[in-house]
Protein backbone atom coordinates (compact mmCIF):
# COMPACT_ATOMS: atom_id res chain seq x y z
CA UNK A 1 20.96 -5.80 -4.38
CA UNK A 2 19.51 -9.21 -3.56
CA UNK A 3 15.85 -8.24 -3.25
CA UNK A 4 13.46 -10.77 -1.75
CA UNK A 5 10.67 -8.36 -0.82
CA UNK A 6 9.53 -5.05 -2.28
CA UNK A 7 7.47 -2.76 -0.03
CA UNK A 8 5.46 -0.06 -1.75
CA UNK A 9 3.94 2.71 0.31
CA UNK A 10 1.68 5.07 -1.58
CA UNK A 11 -0.40 8.15 -1.14
CA UNK A 12 -3.94 8.11 -2.50
CA UNK A 13 -4.23 8.44 -6.30
CA UNK A 14 -0.45 8.30 -6.80
CA UNK A 15 -0.68 5.03 -8.73
CA UNK A 16 1.12 2.85 -6.21
CA UNK A 17 -1.20 -0.12 -6.59
CA UNK A 18 -0.92 -0.40 -10.36
CA UNK A 19 2.87 0.08 -10.16
CA UNK A 20 3.06 -2.54 -7.41
CA UNK A 21 1.15 -5.03 -9.54
CA UNK A 22 3.47 -4.36 -12.46
CA UNK A 23 6.55 -4.89 -10.27
CA UNK A 24 5.12 -8.19 -9.01
CA UNK A 25 4.39 -9.27 -12.58
CA UNK A 26 7.90 -8.48 -13.83
CA UNK A 27 9.71 -10.00 -10.85
CA UNK A 28 7.48 -13.05 -10.66
CA UNK A 29 6.60 -12.18 -7.06
CA UNK A 30 3.17 -12.45 -5.48
CA UNK A 31 1.25 -9.25 -4.96
CA UNK A 32 0.13 -8.76 -1.36
CA UNK A 33 -2.30 -6.10 -0.18
CA UNK A 34 -5.32 -7.04 1.91
CA UNK A 35 -3.87 -10.55 2.26
CA UNK A 36 -2.06 -9.04 5.25
CA UNK A 37 -5.40 -8.37 6.92
CA UNK A 38 -6.65 -11.86 6.05
CA UNK A 39 -3.57 -13.50 7.53
CA UNK A 40 -3.84 -11.44 10.71
CA UNK A 41 -7.53 -12.34 10.99
CA UNK A 42 -6.71 -16.05 10.78
CA UNK A 43 -4.28 -15.65 13.66
CA UNK A 44 -6.89 -13.84 15.71
CA UNK A 45 -9.66 -16.22 14.61
CA UNK A 46 -11.89 -13.25 13.89
CA UNK A 47 -13.65 -11.76 10.90
CA UNK A 48 -11.19 -9.86 8.64
CA UNK A 49 -13.47 -6.82 8.91
CA UNK A 50 -12.69 -6.59 12.62
CA UNK A 51 -8.94 -6.60 12.04
CA UNK A 52 -9.32 -4.14 9.16
CA UNK A 53 -11.20 -1.77 11.43
CA UNK A 54 -8.40 -1.96 13.98
CA UNK A 55 -5.93 -0.97 11.29
CA UNK A 56 -7.84 1.68 9.44
CA UNK A 57 -10.73 4.06 9.96
CA UNK A 58 -12.04 3.26 6.48
CA UNK A 59 -13.49 -0.18 5.57
CA UNK A 60 -11.00 -2.43 3.81
CA UNK A 61 -13.19 -5.48 3.26
CA UNK A 62 -14.11 -4.50 -0.31
CA UNK A 63 -10.46 -4.27 -1.33
CA UNK A 64 -9.71 -7.43 0.66
CA UNK A 65 -12.15 -9.38 -1.49
CA UNK A 66 -10.94 -7.76 -4.71
CA UNK A 67 -7.22 -8.14 -3.96
CA UNK A 68 -7.06 -11.62 -2.44
CA UNK A 69 -5.12 -13.90 -4.74
CA UNK A 70 -4.55 -11.10 -7.22
CA UNK A 71 -0.94 -12.06 -7.88
CA UNK A 72 -2.16 -14.71 -10.28
CA UNK A 73 -3.12 -13.58 -13.76
CA UNK A 74 -2.43 -9.87 -13.46
CA UNK A 75 -3.77 -8.47 -16.75
CA UNK A 76 -1.12 -6.16 -18.25
CA UNK A 77 -0.81 -3.77 -15.27
CA UNK A 78 0.63 -0.96 -17.40
CA UNK A 79 -1.64 -1.49 -20.37
CA UNK A 80 -3.72 1.65 -19.90
CA UNK A 81 -3.11 4.50 -22.39
CA UNK A 82 -2.42 7.57 -20.22
CA UNK A 83 -2.35 8.70 -16.63
CA UNK A 84 -2.62 6.69 -13.46
CA UNK A 85 -5.84 5.18 -12.14
CA UNK A 86 -6.43 6.27 -8.55
CA UNK A 87 -6.67 3.80 -5.71
CA UNK A 88 -10.18 3.32 -4.33
CA UNK A 89 -11.31 6.03 -1.97
CA UNK A 90 -13.80 5.27 0.76
CA UNK A 91 -15.48 8.12 2.68
CA UNK A 92 -14.30 8.62 6.25
CA UNK A 93 -16.56 8.75 9.27
CA UNK A 94 -16.97 5.04 10.01
CA UNK A 95 -15.92 4.50 13.65
CA UNK A 96 -13.37 1.97 14.79
CA UNK A 97 -14.76 -1.19 16.33
CA UNK A 98 -13.70 -1.37 20.01
CA UNK A 99 -12.27 -4.91 19.89
CA UNK A 100 -8.73 -4.89 21.31
CA UNK A 101 -7.35 -2.85 18.40
CA UNK A 102 -3.75 -2.90 19.63
CA UNK A 103 -3.75 -6.71 19.74
CA UNK A 104 -5.04 -6.85 16.19
CA UNK A 105 -2.54 -4.26 15.03
CA UNK A 106 0.25 -6.37 16.49
CA UNK A 107 -1.07 -9.32 14.49
CA UNK A 108 -0.96 -7.27 11.31
CA UNK A 109 2.68 -6.40 11.97
CA UNK A 110 3.42 -10.06 12.68
CA UNK A 111 1.67 -11.06 9.44
CA UNK A 112 3.86 -8.62 7.49
CA UNK A 113 6.95 -10.18 9.06
CA UNK A 114 5.81 -13.69 8.15
CA UNK A 115 5.05 -12.74 4.55
CA UNK A 116 8.48 -11.12 4.25
CA UNK A 117 10.17 -14.21 5.70
CA UNK A 118 8.54 -16.31 2.98
CA UNK A 119 10.03 -13.91 0.42
CA UNK A 120 9.24 -13.20 -3.24
CA UNK A 121 6.48 -10.73 -2.43
CA UNK A 122 5.50 -7.18 -3.29
CA UNK A 123 3.69 -5.77 -0.26
CA UNK A 124 1.58 -2.69 -0.91
CA UNK A 125 0.38 -0.47 1.94
CA UNK A 126 0.16 -1.32 5.68
CA UNK A 127 3.39 0.71 6.18
CA UNK A 128 5.31 -2.50 5.53
CA UNK A 129 8.43 -0.42 4.87
CA UNK A 130 8.41 0.55 8.56
CA UNK A 131 7.68 -2.95 9.81
CA UNK A 132 10.54 -4.39 7.76
CA UNK A 133 13.01 -1.52 8.00
CA UNK A 134 15.82 -3.62 9.47
CA UNK A 135 15.36 -6.74 7.36
CA UNK A 136 17.94 -7.69 4.71
CA UNK A 137 16.73 -8.08 1.14
CA UNK A 138 13.86 -5.59 1.51
CA UNK A 139 13.52 -2.74 -0.99
CA UNK A 140 11.38 0.09 0.36
CA UNK A 141 9.57 2.37 -2.10
CA UNK A 142 7.29 5.38 -1.76
CA UNK A 143 5.00 6.22 -4.69
CA UNK A 144 3.52 9.69 -4.38
CA UNK A 145 2.51 12.82 -6.28
CA UNK A 146 1.52 16.37 -5.48
CA UNK A 147 -1.82 16.95 -3.74
CA UNK A 148 -3.03 18.89 -6.78
CA UNK A 149 -2.29 16.06 -9.20
CA UNK A 150 -3.86 13.47 -6.93
CA UNK A 151 -6.98 15.59 -6.45
CA UNK A 152 -7.35 15.94 -10.22
CA UNK A 153 -7.06 12.19 -10.68
CA UNK A 154 -9.70 11.51 -8.04
CA UNK A 155 -12.10 13.99 -9.60
CA UNK A 156 -11.50 12.47 -13.03
CA UNK A 157 -12.53 9.14 -11.48
CA UNK A 158 -15.75 10.62 -10.10
CA UNK A 159 -14.85 12.05 -6.70
CA UNK A 160 -16.76 15.33 -6.19
CA UNK A 161 -14.12 17.08 -4.10
CA UNK A 162 -10.69 15.67 -4.83
CA UNK A 163 -8.91 18.21 -2.64
CA UNK A 164 -10.93 17.24 0.42
CA UNK A 165 -10.48 13.54 -0.33
CA UNK A 166 -6.69 13.92 -0.58
CA UNK A 167 -6.55 15.95 2.64
CA UNK A 168 -8.63 13.35 4.51
CA UNK A 169 -6.55 10.46 3.20
CA UNK A 170 -3.24 12.18 3.98
CA UNK A 171 -4.39 12.94 7.52
CA UNK A 172 -5.39 9.33 8.03
CA UNK A 173 -2.00 8.28 6.69
CA UNK A 174 -0.26 10.49 9.26
CA UNK A 175 -2.46 9.10 12.02
CA UNK A 176 -1.65 5.56 10.87
CA UNK A 177 2.11 6.10 11.15
CA UNK A 178 1.70 7.59 14.61
CA UNK A 179 -0.58 4.86 15.96
CA UNK A 180 1.16 1.85 14.41
CA UNK A 181 4.83 2.83 14.44
CA UNK A 182 5.09 5.92 16.68
CA UNK A 183 6.40 7.90 13.70
CA UNK A 184 5.53 11.58 14.04
CA UNK A 185 6.49 12.48 10.47
CA UNK A 186 7.01 10.34 7.39
CA UNK A 187 10.32 11.23 5.73
CA UNK A 188 11.87 10.43 2.32
CA UNK A 189 14.76 8.82 4.22
CA UNK A 190 12.38 6.13 5.45
CA UNK A 191 12.58 4.74 1.89
CA UNK A 192 15.22 3.53 -0.54
CA UNK A 193 13.45 5.00 -3.59
CA UNK A 194 10.85 7.76 -3.87
CA UNK A 195 8.77 7.83 -7.07
CA UNK A 196 6.99 11.04 -8.06
CA UNK A 197 4.23 10.21 -10.54
CA UNK A 198 3.79 13.90 -11.31
CA UNK A 199 6.92 13.39 -13.40
CA UNK A 200 7.30 9.65 -14.02
CA UNK A 201 4.93 7.65 -16.19
CA UNK A 202 4.01 4.15 -14.93
CA UNK A 203 6.53 2.38 -17.18
CA UNK A 204 9.28 4.78 -16.09
CA UNK A 205 8.42 4.20 -12.44
CA UNK A 206 8.48 0.45 -13.03
CA UNK A 207 11.89 0.59 -14.72
CA UNK A 208 13.34 2.73 -11.92
CA UNK A 209 12.25 0.18 -9.31
CA UNK A 210 13.51 -2.76 -11.36
CA UNK A 211 16.87 -1.05 -11.86
CA UNK A 212 17.35 -0.65 -8.12
CA UNK A 213 16.22 -4.25 -7.60
CA UNK A 214 18.95 -5.35 -10.01
CA UNK A 215 16.63 -6.57 -12.78
């Protein structure tokens, strides 16, 4: 398979971000996460926080700052001893900003398309697999794990109630698919590969993705 873009969707605390960074490192692709929001904000000529709010009920600006330009100098993404570090979790309850959210969401989708056209990118989150479903050269991955495993990982990282955090994040994920792509239910068949990190260690997940990508 001639892969030009890898899309990685992930549930909270499944390890999708660290696996995505490792895939980018091995393929020599750039790692794209909140860069999507930044690019959409430039198009709209607005603060990235406004576009982020249109996309997501939780604030993304912290991860935007941390992730921007992160494809350069990724420090041994799979160099941790055991387990999978959870993605950041931000408490819900922050309201959307009422600034033409549908327009900004359209710009996010357009930004994903532009990044994919440039090629050689690993795009994590933003449901890029749905935005690029019909594009040649796109490998669509889902990285997930059971709610119980993800809750345990969150609590090990300091979250007081991992079960509640997973439930809130999964609900927001369902709402995201409905509002952005009119998808009532996310299915395994929306993806080319589904990785279960209950069973697969990070290096095994990486090798499975690289094998499908033809590396």
